[in-house]
Amino acid sequence: RFYAGGAASASQCPGFSAPSADFTVNSSADTADAGIDGVCDAGGGVCTLRAAVQEANAAGGTQKIKVPAGLTVNVTSEIPLSDGVQIFGESRTTSIISGGGTTRVFSALGTPETDVELDQLT
Protein backbone atom coordinates (compact mmCIF):
# COMPACT_ATOMS: atom_id res chain seq x y z
CA ARG A 1 0.00 0.00 0.00
CA PHE A 2 1.27 3.42 -0.90
CA TYR A 3 0.29 6.63 0.85
CA ALA A 4 1.27 10.13 -0.13
CA GLY A 5 0.30 13.03 2.06
CA GLY A 6 1.49 16.49 2.82
CA ALA A 7 -0.96 18.83 1.17
CA ALA A 8 0.37 21.57 3.44
CA SER A 9 3.70 22.21 5.09
CA ALA A 10 4.26 21.72 8.79
CA SER A 11 4.29 25.50 9.23
CA GLN A 12 0.83 25.65 7.66
CA CYS A 13 -0.56 23.03 10.04
CA PRO A 14 -0.52 24.24 13.62
CA GLY A 15 0.06 21.29 15.89
CA PHE A 16 1.76 19.19 13.17
CA SER A 17 4.76 17.45 14.57
CA ALA A 18 7.01 15.34 12.39
CA PRO A 19 7.60 11.88 13.86
CA SER A 20 10.99 11.02 15.28
CA ALA A 21 13.26 9.46 12.68
CA ASP A 22 15.09 6.16 12.74
CA PHE A 23 17.41 7.59 10.06
CA THR A 24 18.07 11.20 9.04
CA VAL A 25 19.41 11.89 5.56
CA ASN A 26 22.28 14.41 5.60
CA SER A 27 23.54 14.23 2.01
CA SER A 28 22.15 14.86 -1.46
CA ALA A 29 24.37 12.08 -2.87
CA ASP A 30 23.00 8.74 -4.06
CA THR A 31 25.46 6.24 -2.62
CA ALA A 32 24.85 2.87 -1.00
CA ASP A 33 25.32 2.06 2.66
CA ALA A 34 28.84 0.93 3.59
CA GLY A 35 27.46 -2.08 5.50
CA ILE A 36 24.02 -3.19 6.62
CA ASP A 37 24.47 -2.90 10.38
CA GLY A 38 21.63 -0.75 11.71
CA VAL A 39 23.58 2.48 11.12
CA CYS A 40 22.99 4.65 8.07
CA ASP A 41 26.50 5.37 6.86
CA ALA A 42 27.57 5.59 3.22
CA GLY A 43 31.05 6.47 4.43
CA GLY A 44 32.44 9.21 6.65
CA GLY A 45 29.21 9.58 8.63
CA VAL A 46 27.20 10.46 5.51
CA CYS A 47 23.61 9.20 5.48
CA THR A 48 22.14 9.16 1.99
CA LEU A 49 18.52 8.37 1.18
CA ARG A 50 19.61 5.14 -0.54
CA ALA A 51 21.65 4.07 2.51
CA ALA A 52 18.77 4.90 4.86
CA VAL A 53 16.33 2.85 2.76
CA GLN A 54 18.78 -0.07 2.64
CA GLU A 55 19.01 -0.02 6.44
CA ALA A 56 15.22 0.36 6.77
CA ASN A 57 14.64 -2.60 4.44
CA ALA A 58 16.96 -4.77 6.53
CA ALA A 59 15.58 -3.66 9.91
CA GLY A 60 12.08 -5.05 9.47
CA GLY A 61 8.94 -3.28 10.56
CA THR A 62 8.12 0.26 9.56
CA GLN A 63 11.12 2.56 9.75
CA LYS A 64 11.03 6.36 9.58
CA ILE A 65 13.42 8.33 7.37
CA LYS A 66 13.67 12.12 7.60
CA VAL A 67 14.73 14.41 4.76
CA PRO A 68 15.65 17.79 6.31
CA ALA A 69 14.37 21.11 5.02
CA GLY A 70 16.64 22.62 2.38
CA LEU A 71 17.96 19.27 1.14
CA THR A 72 17.50 18.09 -2.45
CA VAL A 73 18.31 14.39 -2.84
CA ASN A 74 19.35 13.48 -6.40
CA VAL A 75 18.51 9.84 -7.15
CA THR A 76 20.35 8.28 -10.10
CA SER A 77 18.53 4.92 -10.17
CA GLU A 78 15.44 3.42 -8.54
CA ILE A 79 15.61 2.80 -4.81
CA PRO A 80 13.87 -0.50 -3.95
CA LEU A 81 11.49 -0.47 -0.98
CA SER A 82 11.00 -4.00 0.35
CA ASP A 83 9.62 -3.30 3.82
CA GLY A 84 7.41 -0.74 5.51
CA VAL A 85 8.88 2.74 5.44
CA GLN A 86 7.74 6.28 6.16
CA ILE A 87 9.82 8.91 4.39
CA PHE A 88 8.99 12.41 5.52
CA GLY A 89 10.35 15.86 4.95
CA GLU A 90 10.62 18.79 7.30
CA SER A 91 9.28 21.10 4.60
CA ARG A 92 7.03 20.21 1.69
CA THR A 93 8.63 22.93 -0.42
CA THR A 94 12.32 22.42 0.42
CA SER A 95 12.63 18.69 1.30
CA ILE A 96 13.03 17.41 -2.25
CA ILE A 97 13.66 13.98 -3.78
CA SER A 98 14.42 14.13 -7.49
CA GLY A 99 15.09 11.56 -10.18
CA GLY A 100 16.22 14.38 -12.43
CA GLY A 101 13.50 13.54 -14.92
CA THR A 102 15.43 10.43 -15.99
CA THR A 103 14.47 7.75 -13.48
CA ARG A 104 11.66 6.56 -11.27
CA VAL A 105 12.70 7.30 -7.70
CA PHE A 106 11.25 4.30 -5.84
CA SER A 107 10.13 0.78 -6.67
CA ALA A 108 7.94 -1.00 -4.12
CA LEU A 109 8.96 -4.65 -3.91
CA GLY A 110 7.19 -5.71 -0.71
CA THR A 111 3.96 -7.58 -0.23
CA PRO A 112 0.56 -5.91 -0.70
CA GLU A 113 0.54 -5.39 3.09
CA THR A 114 3.81 -3.40 2.99
CA ASP A 115 3.04 0.21 3.83
CA VAL A 116 5.03 2.97 2.15
CA GLU A 117 4.25 6.54 3.16
CA LEU A 118 5.69 9.73 1.73
CA ASP A 119 4.82 12.96 3.51
CA GLN A 120 5.89 16.62 3.37
CA LEU A 121 8.12 16.06 0.31
CA THR A 122 8.42 17.43 -3.20
C-alpha atoms as a PDB file:
ATOM      1  CA  ARG A   1       0.000   0.000   0.000  1.00  0.00           C
ATOM      2  CA  PHE A   2       1.266   3.417  -0.896  1.00  0.00           C
ATOM      3  CA  TYR A   3       0.286   6.633   0.853  1.00  0.00           C
ATOM      4  CA  ALA A   4       1.266  10.135  -0.131  1.00  0.00           C
ATOM      5  CA  GLY A   5       0.300  13.026   2.062  1.00  0.00           C
ATOM      6  CA  GLY A   6       1.491  16.485   2.823  1.00  0.00           C
ATOM      7  CA  ALA A   7      -0.963  18.826   1.174  1.00  0.00           C
ATOM      8  CA  ALA A   8       0.373  21.568   3.437  1.00  0.00           C
ATOM      9  CA  SER A   9       3.699  22.208   5.088  1.00  0.00           C
ATOM     10  CA  ALA A  10       4.257  21.724   8.789  1.00  0.00           C
ATOM     11  CA  SER A  11       4.293  25.505   9.230  1.00  0.00           C
ATOM     12  CA  GLN A  12       0.826  25.647   7.656  1.00  0.00           C
ATOM     13  CA  CYS A  13      -0.564  23.029  10.039  1.00  0.00           C
ATOM     14  CA  PRO A  14      -0.520  24.240  13.625  1.00  0.00           C
ATOM     15  CA  GLY A  15       0.062  21.292  15.892  1.00  0.00           C
ATOM     16  CA  PHE A  16       1.760  19.194  13.171  1.00  0.00           C
ATOM     17  CA  SER A  17       4.759  17.453  14.565  1.00  0.00           C
ATOM     18  CA  ALA A  18       7.013  15.335  12.390  1.00  0.00           C
ATOM     19  CA  PRO A  19       7.604  11.882  13.855  1.00  0.00           C
ATOM     20  CA  SER A  20      10.989  11.016  15.278  1.00  0.00           C
ATOM     21  CA  ALA A  21      13.263   9.461  12.683  1.00  0.00           C
ATOM     22  CA  ASP A  22      15.090   6.159  12.741  1.00  0.00           C
ATOM     23  CA  PHE A  23      17.409   7.587  10.057  1.00  0.00           C
ATOM     24  CA  THR A  24      18.068  11.197   9.045  1.00  0.00           C
ATOM     25  CA  VAL A  25      19.413  11.894   5.560  1.00  0.00           C
ATOM     26  CA  ASN A  26      22.279  14.413   5.597  1.00  0.00           C
ATOM     27  CA  SER A  27      23.539  14.227   2.009  1.00  0.00           C
ATOM     28  CA  SER A  28      22.150  14.865  -1.459  1.00  0.00           C
ATOM     29  CA  ALA A  29      24.367  12.081  -2.872  1.00  0.00           C
ATOM     30  CA  ASP A  30      22.998   8.735  -4.064  1.00  0.00           C
ATOM     31  CA  THR A  31      25.455   6.240  -2.623  1.00  0.00           C
ATOM     32  CA  ALA A  32      24.854   2.870  -0.999  1.00  0.00           C
ATOM     33  CA  ASP A  33      25.318   2.060   2.659  1.00  0.00           C
ATOM     34  CA  ALA A  34      28.843   0.925   3.589  1.00  0.00           C
ATOM     35  CA  GLY A  35      27.463  -2.080   5.499  1.00  0.00           C
ATOM     36  CA  ILE A  36      24.020  -3.188   6.623  1.00  0.00           C
ATOM     37  CA  ASP A  37      24.473  -2.901  10.380  1.00  0.00           C
ATOM     38  CA  GLY A  38      21.627  -0.749  11.715  1.00  0.00           C
ATOM     39  CA  VAL A  39      23.576   2.476  11.124  1.00  0.00           C
ATOM     40  CA  CYS A  40      22.989   4.650   8.070  1.00  0.00           C
ATOM     41  CA  ASP A  41      26.503   5.368   6.861  1.00  0.00           C
ATOM     42  CA  ALA A  42      27.571   5.586   3.221  1.00  0.00           C
ATOM     43  CA  GLY A  43      31.054   6.475   4.425  1.00  0.00           C
ATOM     44  CA  GLY A  44      32.439   9.211   6.649  1.00  0.00           C
ATOM     45  CA  GLY A  45      29.213   9.579   8.630  1.00  0.00           C
ATOM     46  CA  VAL A  46      27.202  10.464   5.513  1.00  0.00           C
ATOM     47  CA  CYS A  47      23.614   9.197   5.484  1.00  0.00           C
ATOM     48  CA  THR A  48      22.138   9.164   1.985  1.00  0.00           C
ATOM     49  CA  LEU A  49      18.520   8.372   1.176  1.00  0.00           C
ATOM     50  CA  ARG A  50      19.609   5.141  -0.543  1.00  0.00           C
ATOM     51  CA  ALA A  51      21.655   4.068   2.505  1.00  0.00           C
ATOM     52  CA  ALA A  52      18.765   4.902   4.857  1.00  0.00           C
ATOM     53  CA  VAL A  53      16.326   2.850   2.765  1.00  0.00           C
ATOM     54  CA  GLN A  54      18.780  -0.067   2.645  1.00  0.00           C
ATOM     55  CA  GLU A  55      19.011  -0.020   6.435  1.00  0.00           C
ATOM     56  CA  ALA A  56      15.223   0.357   6.768  1.00  0.00           C
ATOM     57  CA  ASN A  57      14.635  -2.601   4.437  1.00  0.00           C
ATOM     58  CA  ALA A  58      16.964  -4.768   6.529  1.00  0.00           C
ATOM     59  CA  ALA A  59      15.579  -3.660   9.909  1.00  0.00           C
ATOM     60  CA  GLY A  60      12.082  -5.049   9.466  1.00  0.00           C
ATOM     61  CA  GLY A  61       8.936  -3.283  10.558  1.00  0.00           C
ATOM     62  CA  THR A  62       8.117   0.259   9.555  1.00  0.00           C
ATOM     63  CA  GLN A  63      11.117   2.563   9.747  1.00  0.00           C
ATOM     64  CA  LYS A  64      11.027   6.364   9.580  1.00  0.00           C
ATOM     65  CA  ILE A  65      13.419   8.327   7.367  1.00  0.00           C
ATOM     66  CA  LYS A  66      13.665  12.120   7.602  1.00  0.00           C
ATOM     67  CA  VAL A  67      14.731  14.414   4.764  1.00  0.00           C
ATOM     68  CA  PRO A  68      15.651  17.787   6.307  1.00  0.00           C
ATOM     69  CA  ALA A  69      14.373  21.110   5.017  1.00  0.00           C
ATOM     70  CA  GLY A  70      16.635  22.619   2.377  1.00  0.00           C
ATOM     71  CA  LEU A  71      17.965  19.268   1.141  1.00  0.00           C
ATOM     72  CA  THR A  72      17.500  18.087  -2.454  1.00  0.00           C
ATOM     73  CA  VAL A  73      18.305  14.392  -2.841  1.00  0.00           C
ATOM     74  CA  ASN A  74      19.349  13.484  -6.395  1.00  0.00           C
ATOM     75  CA  VAL A  75      18.508   9.840  -7.150  1.00  0.00           C
ATOM     76  CA  THR A  76      20.354   8.284 -10.101  1.00  0.00           C
ATOM     77  CA  SER A  77      18.530   4.919 -10.175  1.00  0.00           C
ATOM     78  CA  GLU A  78      15.443   3.415  -8.541  1.00  0.00           C
ATOM     79  CA  ILE A  79      15.606   2.803  -4.811  1.00  0.00           C
ATOM     80  CA  PRO A  80      13.872  -0.498  -3.949  1.00  0.00           C
ATOM     81  CA  LEU A  81      11.489  -0.466  -0.985  1.00  0.00           C
ATOM     82  CA  SER A  82      11.004  -3.995   0.354  1.00  0.00           C
ATOM     83  CA  ASP A  83       9.618  -3.300   3.818  1.00  0.00           C
ATOM     84  CA  GLY A  84       7.413  -0.736   5.512  1.00  0.00           C
ATOM     85  CA  VAL A  85       8.877   2.740   5.437  1.00  0.00           C
ATOM     86  CA  GLN A  86       7.744   6.279   6.164  1.00  0.00           C
ATOM     87  CA  ILE A  87       9.821   8.913   4.388  1.00  0.00           C
ATOM     88  CA  PHE A  88       8.991  12.409   5.522  1.00  0.00           C
ATOM     89  CA  GLY A  89      10.350  15.863   4.948  1.00  0.00           C
ATOM     90  CA  GLU A  90      10.617  18.788   7.305  1.00  0.00           C
ATOM     91  CA  SER A  91       9.284  21.099   4.596  1.00  0.00           C
ATOM     92  CA  ARG A  92       7.030  20.211   1.690  1.00  0.00           C
ATOM     93  CA  THR A  93       8.631  22.927  -0.422  1.00  0.00           C
ATOM     94  CA  THR A  94      12.321  22.422   0.424  1.00  0.00           C
ATOM     95  CA  SER A  95      12.626  18.693   1.296  1.00  0.00           C
ATOM     96  CA  ILE A  96      13.028  17.406  -2.250  1.00  0.00           C
ATOM     97  CA  ILE A  97      13.659  13.979  -3.776  1.00  0.00           C
ATOM     98  CA  SER A  98      14.424  14.133  -7.494  1.00  0.00           C
ATOM     99  CA  GLY A  99      15.095  11.564 -10.177  1.00  0.00           C
ATOM    100  CA  GLY A 100      16.221  14.377 -12.430  1.00  0.00           C
ATOM    101  CA  GLY A 101      13.496  13.539 -14.924  1.00  0.00           C
ATOM    102  CA  THR A 102      15.428  10.434 -15.988  1.00  0.00           C
ATOM    103  CA  THR A 103      14.472   7.754 -13.480  1.00  0.00           C
ATOM    104  CA  ARG A 104      11.658   6.564 -11.270  1.00  0.00           C
ATOM    105  CA  VAL A 105      12.701   7.302  -7.695  1.00  0.00           C
ATOM    106  CA  PHE A 106      11.254   4.295  -5.836  1.00  0.00           C
ATOM    107  CA  SER A 107      10.127   0.784  -6.673  1.00  0.00           C
ATOM    108  CA  ALA A 108       7.936  -1.001  -4.122  1.00  0.00           C
ATOM    109  CA  LEU A 109       8.958  -4.646  -3.909  1.00  0.00           C
ATOM    110  CA  GLY A 110       7.190  -5.708  -0.710  1.00  0.00           C
ATOM    111  CA  THR A 111       3.957  -7.578  -0.231  1.00  0.00           C
ATOM    112  CA  PRO A 112       0.560  -5.913  -0.697  1.00  0.00           C
ATOM    113  CA  GLU A 113       0.543  -5.385   3.086  1.00  0.00           C
ATOM    114  CA  THR A 114       3.807  -3.399   2.988  1.00  0.00           C
ATOM    115  CA  ASP A 115       3.037   0.214   3.827  1.00  0.00           C
ATOM    116  CA  VAL A 116       5.028   2.966   2.150  1.00  0.00           C
ATOM    117  CA  GLU A 117       4.250   6.537   3.161  1.00  0.00           C
ATOM    118  CA  LEU A 118       5.694   9.730   1.731  1.00  0.00           C
ATOM    119  CA  ASP A 119       4.816  12.955   3.508  1.00  0.00           C
ATOM    120  CA  GLN A 120       5.885  16.615   3.367  1.00  0.00           C
ATOM    121  CA  LEU A 121       8.118  16.057   0.310  1.00  0.00           C
ATOM    122  CA  THR A 122       8.416  17.427  -3.197  1.00  0.00           C
END
